[in-house]
Amino acid sequence: MIKAEFFDIDGTYHREIHGISLDNIDELISEAREKGGSGMVSLALSRSTKDYINIDYVGKDQFLVQTERMVKTGTFWQRLFQYPRIEHTADGDLGVKELLINYIERDRGEFETIYS
């Protein structure tokens, strides 16, 4: 089960939504844009405490997505020198929507392969 969580830097805003599905994506993006526009509220989607993605609306119609790498992908040498974090900039609502769909529908290895 996937959970969404909105939170701010100083701990004054926190909201959790359990049981996230594809039906919730547009609403999540809209709230992330609205609340994140001030630069203070982030959205996290998670399957567990280790399997999560963090989404920040950074303005100019872009969302910064960050997560810790859980699965090594590529050749031996690529895996050996992979950066421990994945960072991806999604352009517009459609770009971040595609990313969220991939996170919800795919397993972690497939997701990391797409965005590494």
N, C-alpha and C. Protein backbone atom coordinates (compact mmCIF):
# COMPACT_ATOMS: atom_id res chain seq x y z
N MET A 1 0.84 -1.17 0.00
CA MET A 1 0.00 0.00 0.00
C MET A 1 0.89 1.24 0.00
N ILE A 2 0.55 2.19 -0.84
CA ILE A 2 1.33 3.41 -0.96
C ILE A 2 0.70 4.53 -0.15
N LYS A 3 1.55 5.26 0.54
CA LYS A 3 1.12 6.36 1.39
C LYS A 3 1.70 7.67 0.83
N ALA A 4 0.92 8.73 0.88
CA ALA A 4 1.40 10.07 0.53
C ALA A 4 1.48 10.87 1.81
N GLU A 5 2.48 11.74 1.87
CA GLU A 5 2.67 12.54 3.07
C GLU A 5 3.16 13.94 2.66
N PHE A 6 2.43 14.95 3.07
CA PHE A 6 2.84 16.33 2.88
C PHE A 6 3.45 16.81 4.19
N PHE A 7 4.58 17.51 4.11
CA PHE A 7 5.23 18.03 5.31
C PHE A 7 6.03 19.27 4.96
N ASP A 8 6.24 20.12 5.96
CA ASP A 8 7.04 21.32 5.75
C ASP A 8 8.32 21.26 6.57
N ILE A 9 9.20 22.19 6.31
CA ILE A 9 10.52 22.21 6.93
C ILE A 9 10.45 22.42 8.43
N ASP A 10 9.59 23.33 8.88
CA ASP A 10 9.57 23.65 10.31
C ASP A 10 8.57 22.82 11.12
N GLY A 11 7.92 21.84 10.50
CA GLY A 11 7.06 20.92 11.23
C GLY A 11 5.69 21.46 11.59
N THR A 12 5.25 22.54 10.96
CA THR A 12 3.93 23.09 11.27
C THR A 12 2.83 22.53 10.39
N TYR A 13 3.19 21.90 9.26
CA TYR A 13 2.19 21.32 8.36
C TYR A 13 2.53 19.86 8.10
N HIS A 14 1.57 18.99 8.34
CA HIS A 14 1.76 17.56 8.10
C HIS A 14 0.41 16.93 7.79
N ARG A 15 0.37 16.19 6.68
CA ARG A 15 -0.87 15.50 6.31
C ARG A 15 -0.51 14.19 5.63
N GLU A 16 -1.12 13.09 6.08
CA GLU A 16 -0.90 11.77 5.50
C GLU A 16 -2.17 11.29 4.80
N ILE A 17 -1.96 10.59 3.67
CA ILE A 17 -3.06 9.99 2.93
C ILE A 17 -2.66 8.55 2.66
N HIS A 18 -3.42 7.61 3.19
CA HIS A 18 -3.11 6.19 3.01
C HIS A 18 -3.90 5.62 1.83
N GLY A 19 -3.36 4.57 1.23
CA GLY A 19 -4.06 3.88 0.15
C GLY A 19 -4.07 4.65 -1.16
N ILE A 20 -2.93 5.22 -1.52
CA ILE A 20 -2.83 6.00 -2.75
C ILE A 20 -2.93 5.08 -3.96
N SER A 21 -3.70 5.54 -4.96
CA SER A 21 -3.83 4.81 -6.23
C SER A 21 -3.70 5.81 -7.37
N LEU A 22 -3.82 5.33 -8.59
CA LEU A 22 -3.73 6.21 -9.75
C LEU A 22 -4.82 7.28 -9.73
N ASP A 23 -5.93 7.00 -9.08
CA ASP A 23 -7.03 7.96 -9.00
C ASP A 23 -6.67 9.22 -8.20
N ASN A 24 -5.67 9.14 -7.34
CA ASN A 24 -5.28 10.26 -6.48
C ASN A 24 -4.21 11.17 -7.07
N ILE A 25 -3.62 10.77 -8.19
CA ILE A 25 -2.43 11.47 -8.68
C ILE A 25 -2.67 12.94 -9.00
N ASP A 26 -3.71 13.25 -9.72
CA ASP A 26 -3.95 14.65 -10.09
C ASP A 26 -4.13 15.53 -8.86
N GLU A 27 -4.84 15.03 -7.87
CA GLU A 27 -5.05 15.77 -6.63
C GLU A 27 -3.72 16.00 -5.89
N LEU A 28 -2.86 14.98 -5.85
CA LEU A 28 -1.56 15.11 -5.19
C LEU A 28 -0.68 16.14 -5.89
N ILE A 29 -0.65 16.09 -7.22
CA ILE A 29 0.16 17.03 -7.99
C ILE A 29 -0.33 18.46 -7.75
N SER A 30 -1.62 18.62 -7.77
CA SER A 30 -2.21 19.94 -7.57
C SER A 30 -1.84 20.50 -6.19
N GLU A 31 -1.95 19.67 -5.17
CA GLU A 31 -1.61 20.14 -3.82
C GLU A 31 -0.11 20.38 -3.68
N ALA A 32 0.71 19.53 -4.30
CA ALA A 32 2.16 19.73 -4.24
C ALA A 32 2.55 21.05 -4.90
N ARG A 33 1.90 21.38 -6.00
CA ARG A 33 2.18 22.65 -6.68
C ARG A 33 1.72 23.83 -5.82
N GLU A 34 0.51 23.71 -5.28
CA GLU A 34 -0.07 24.80 -4.49
C GLU A 34 0.71 25.05 -3.20
N LYS A 35 0.95 23.98 -2.45
CA LYS A 35 1.65 24.12 -1.16
C LYS A 35 3.14 24.31 -1.35
N GLY A 36 3.70 23.70 -2.38
CA GLY A 36 5.14 23.79 -2.62
C GLY A 36 5.55 25.09 -3.26
N GLY A 37 4.60 25.81 -3.80
CA GLY A 37 4.91 27.08 -4.44
C GLY A 37 5.59 28.04 -3.50
N SER A 38 5.35 27.90 -2.21
CA SER A 38 6.02 28.75 -1.22
C SER A 38 7.42 28.22 -0.92
N GLY A 39 7.75 27.05 -1.48
CA GLY A 39 9.06 26.47 -1.26
C GLY A 39 9.21 25.79 0.08
N MET A 40 8.11 25.59 0.77
CA MET A 40 8.22 25.08 2.12
C MET A 40 7.61 23.69 2.33
N VAL A 41 6.74 23.22 1.43
CA VAL A 41 6.05 21.95 1.64
C VAL A 41 6.50 20.93 0.60
N SER A 42 6.85 19.73 1.07
CA SER A 42 7.26 18.64 0.22
C SER A 42 6.20 17.54 0.23
N LEU A 43 6.21 16.73 -0.81
CA LEU A 43 5.34 15.56 -0.91
C LEU A 43 6.22 14.33 -0.96
N ALA A 44 5.92 13.34 -0.16
CA ALA A 44 6.63 12.06 -0.21
C ALA A 44 5.62 10.96 -0.48
N LEU A 45 5.96 10.06 -1.39
CA LEU A 45 5.18 8.84 -1.60
C LEU A 45 6.06 7.70 -1.11
N SER A 46 5.46 6.75 -0.39
CA SER A 46 6.27 5.67 0.14
C SER A 46 5.52 4.35 0.17
N ARG A 47 6.31 3.28 -0.01
CA ARG A 47 5.81 1.92 0.17
C ARG A 47 6.25 1.40 1.54
N SER A 48 7.37 1.94 2.02
CA SER A 48 7.92 1.56 3.33
C SER A 48 8.83 2.69 3.78
N THR A 49 9.45 2.55 4.94
CA THR A 49 10.33 3.61 5.42
C THR A 49 11.57 3.76 4.54
N LYS A 50 11.97 2.71 3.84
CA LYS A 50 13.14 2.78 2.96
C LYS A 50 12.77 3.06 1.51
N ASP A 51 11.60 2.65 1.07
CA ASP A 51 11.19 2.80 -0.33
C ASP A 51 10.26 4.00 -0.45
N TYR A 52 10.85 5.13 -0.83
CA TYR A 52 10.08 6.38 -0.92
C TYR A 52 10.63 7.25 -2.05
N ILE A 53 9.83 8.22 -2.47
CA ILE A 53 10.30 9.29 -3.34
C ILE A 53 9.83 10.61 -2.72
N ASN A 54 10.67 11.63 -2.82
CA ASN A 54 10.37 12.94 -2.28
C ASN A 54 10.22 13.92 -3.44
N ILE A 55 9.12 14.68 -3.46
CA ILE A 55 8.81 15.56 -4.58
C ILE A 55 8.66 16.99 -4.07
N ASP A 56 9.39 17.91 -4.70
CA ASP A 56 9.32 19.32 -4.36
C ASP A 56 8.99 20.11 -5.62
N TYR A 57 8.00 20.96 -5.54
CA TYR A 57 7.73 21.89 -6.63
C TYR A 57 8.73 23.02 -6.50
N VAL A 58 9.58 23.20 -7.52
CA VAL A 58 10.67 24.17 -7.43
C VAL A 58 10.41 25.41 -8.28
N GLY A 59 9.21 25.51 -8.84
CA GLY A 59 8.86 26.67 -9.65
C GLY A 59 9.17 26.46 -11.11
N LYS A 60 8.79 27.43 -11.93
CA LYS A 60 9.01 27.36 -13.37
C LYS A 60 8.49 26.07 -13.97
N ASP A 61 7.36 25.58 -13.42
CA ASP A 61 6.69 24.38 -13.91
C ASP A 61 7.57 23.13 -13.81
N GLN A 62 8.40 23.05 -12.77
CA GLN A 62 9.27 21.90 -12.58
C GLN A 62 9.14 21.33 -11.17
N PHE A 63 9.28 20.01 -11.10
CA PHE A 63 9.26 19.28 -9.84
C PHE A 63 10.59 18.54 -9.70
N LEU A 64 11.23 18.66 -8.55
CA LEU A 64 12.46 17.92 -8.27
C LEU A 64 12.09 16.67 -7.48
N VAL A 65 12.48 15.52 -8.01
CA VAL A 65 12.19 14.24 -7.37
C VAL A 65 13.51 13.64 -6.89
N GLN A 66 13.54 13.24 -5.62
CA GLN A 66 14.75 12.67 -5.03
C GLN A 66 14.41 11.40 -4.28
N THR A 67 15.34 10.47 -4.28
CA THR A 67 15.18 9.22 -3.54
C THR A 67 16.54 8.58 -3.32
N GLU A 68 16.61 7.72 -2.36
CA GLU A 68 17.82 6.93 -2.14
C GLU A 68 17.79 5.74 -3.09
N ARG A 69 18.94 5.39 -3.64
CA ARG A 69 19.03 4.22 -4.52
C ARG A 69 18.94 2.96 -3.66
N MET A 70 18.07 2.05 -4.07
CA MET A 70 17.91 0.78 -3.36
C MET A 70 18.40 -0.41 -4.18
N VAL A 71 18.42 -0.25 -5.49
CA VAL A 71 18.77 -1.35 -6.40
C VAL A 71 19.91 -0.89 -7.30
N LYS A 72 20.94 -1.68 -7.40
CA LYS A 72 22.03 -1.37 -8.31
C LYS A 72 21.63 -1.82 -9.71
N THR A 73 21.82 -0.94 -10.70
CA THR A 73 21.46 -1.26 -12.08
C THR A 73 22.66 -1.05 -13.00
N GLY A 74 22.65 -1.68 -14.16
CA GLY A 74 23.70 -1.50 -15.16
C GLY A 74 24.79 -2.56 -15.05
N THR A 75 25.89 -2.29 -15.74
CA THR A 75 27.03 -3.20 -15.74
C THR A 75 27.73 -3.17 -14.38
N PHE A 76 28.68 -4.07 -14.22
CA PHE A 76 29.43 -4.12 -12.97
C PHE A 76 30.07 -2.77 -12.65
N TRP A 77 30.75 -2.17 -13.63
CA TRP A 77 31.42 -0.89 -13.40
C TRP A 77 30.43 0.23 -13.15
N GLN A 78 29.29 0.22 -13.82
CA GLN A 78 28.25 1.24 -13.58
C GLN A 78 27.72 1.11 -12.16
N ARG A 79 27.46 -0.13 -11.73
CA ARG A 79 26.94 -0.36 -10.38
C ARG A 79 27.96 0.04 -9.32
N LEU A 80 29.23 -0.21 -9.59
CA LEU A 80 30.29 0.08 -8.64
C LEU A 80 30.39 1.57 -8.35
N PHE A 81 30.16 2.41 -9.34
CA PHE A 81 30.33 3.85 -9.18
C PHE A 81 29.03 4.64 -9.19
N GLN A 82 27.90 3.97 -8.98
CA GLN A 82 26.63 4.69 -8.98
C GLN A 82 26.50 5.59 -7.77
N TYR A 83 25.96 6.77 -8.01
CA TYR A 83 25.69 7.72 -6.94
C TYR A 83 24.58 7.15 -6.05
N PRO A 84 24.66 7.28 -4.72
CA PRO A 84 23.67 6.65 -3.84
C PRO A 84 22.28 7.30 -3.87
N ARG A 85 22.15 8.47 -4.50
CA ARG A 85 20.85 9.15 -4.60
C ARG A 85 20.45 9.25 -6.07
N ILE A 86 19.16 9.25 -6.29
CA ILE A 86 18.62 9.52 -7.62
C ILE A 86 17.93 10.87 -7.54
N GLU A 87 18.26 11.76 -8.46
CA GLU A 87 17.60 13.06 -8.56
C GLU A 87 17.13 13.23 -9.99
N HIS A 88 15.88 13.63 -10.14
CA HIS A 88 15.29 13.79 -11.47
C HIS A 88 14.40 15.02 -11.46
N THR A 89 14.51 15.84 -12.50
CA THR A 89 13.64 17.00 -12.63
C THR A 89 12.55 16.65 -13.63
N ALA A 90 11.31 16.73 -13.17
CA ALA A 90 10.14 16.45 -14.03
C ALA A 90 9.57 17.78 -14.49
N ASP A 91 9.35 17.90 -15.78
CA ASP A 91 8.80 19.13 -16.34
C ASP A 91 7.28 19.07 -16.41
N GLY A 92 6.64 19.98 -15.72
CA GLY A 92 5.19 20.13 -15.77
C GLY A 92 4.43 19.01 -15.07
N ASP A 93 3.12 19.21 -15.02
CA ASP A 93 2.25 18.23 -14.37
C ASP A 93 2.31 16.87 -15.07
N LEU A 94 2.40 16.88 -16.40
CA LEU A 94 2.44 15.61 -17.13
C LEU A 94 3.72 14.83 -16.83
N GLY A 95 4.84 15.54 -16.71
CA GLY A 95 6.11 14.88 -16.40
C GLY A 95 6.11 14.23 -15.03
N VAL A 96 5.61 14.95 -14.03
CA VAL A 96 5.58 14.38 -12.68
C VAL A 96 4.49 13.31 -12.58
N LYS A 97 3.40 13.47 -13.33
CA LYS A 97 2.35 12.45 -13.33
C LYS A 97 2.88 11.12 -13.87
N GLU A 98 3.62 11.19 -14.97
CA GLU A 98 4.22 9.97 -15.53
C GLU A 98 5.14 9.31 -14.51
N LEU A 99 5.95 10.11 -13.81
CA LEU A 99 6.86 9.58 -12.80
C LEU A 99 6.08 8.90 -11.67
N LEU A 100 5.02 9.53 -11.19
CA LEU A 100 4.21 8.94 -10.12
C LEU A 100 3.54 7.65 -10.56
N ILE A 101 3.06 7.62 -11.78
CA ILE A 101 2.46 6.38 -12.32
C ILE A 101 3.51 5.28 -12.34
N ASN A 102 4.72 5.60 -12.78
CA ASN A 102 5.79 4.60 -12.80
C ASN A 102 6.13 4.12 -11.40
N TYR A 103 6.12 5.01 -10.43
CA TYR A 103 6.42 4.60 -9.05
C TYR A 103 5.32 3.67 -8.51
N ILE A 104 4.08 3.99 -8.80
CA ILE A 104 2.97 3.20 -8.29
C ILE A 104 2.86 1.84 -8.99
N GLU A 105 3.05 1.82 -10.31
CA GLU A 105 2.80 0.60 -11.08
C GLU A 105 3.99 -0.33 -11.21
N ARG A 106 5.18 0.16 -11.07
CA ARG A 106 6.38 -0.66 -11.31
C ARG A 106 7.05 -1.05 -9.99
N ASP A 107 7.86 -2.10 -10.07
CA ASP A 107 8.63 -2.44 -8.88
C ASP A 107 9.83 -1.48 -8.79
N ARG A 108 10.49 -1.50 -7.66
CA ARG A 108 11.55 -0.52 -7.39
C ARG A 108 12.69 -0.60 -8.41
N GLY A 109 13.08 -1.80 -8.80
CA GLY A 109 14.16 -1.96 -9.77
C GLY A 109 13.84 -1.32 -11.10
N GLU A 110 12.63 -1.54 -11.60
CA GLU A 110 12.21 -0.93 -12.87
C GLU A 110 12.18 0.59 -12.75
N PHE A 111 11.65 1.09 -11.64
CA PHE A 111 11.58 2.53 -11.42
C PHE A 111 12.97 3.15 -11.45
N GLU A 112 13.92 2.54 -10.74
CA GLU A 112 15.27 3.09 -10.68
C GLU A 112 15.96 3.01 -12.04
N THR A 113 15.71 1.98 -12.80
CA THR A 113 16.30 1.87 -14.14
C THR A 113 15.83 3.01 -15.03
N ILE A 114 14.56 3.36 -14.95
CA ILE A 114 14.01 4.44 -15.76
C ILE A 114 14.62 5.77 -15.40
N TYR A 115 14.80 6.05 -14.11
CA TYR A 115 15.20 7.38 -13.65
C TYR A 115 16.65 7.51 -13.22
N SER A 116 17.45 6.51 -13.48
CA SER A 116 18.90 6.58 -13.14
C SER A 116 19.67 7.25 -14.25
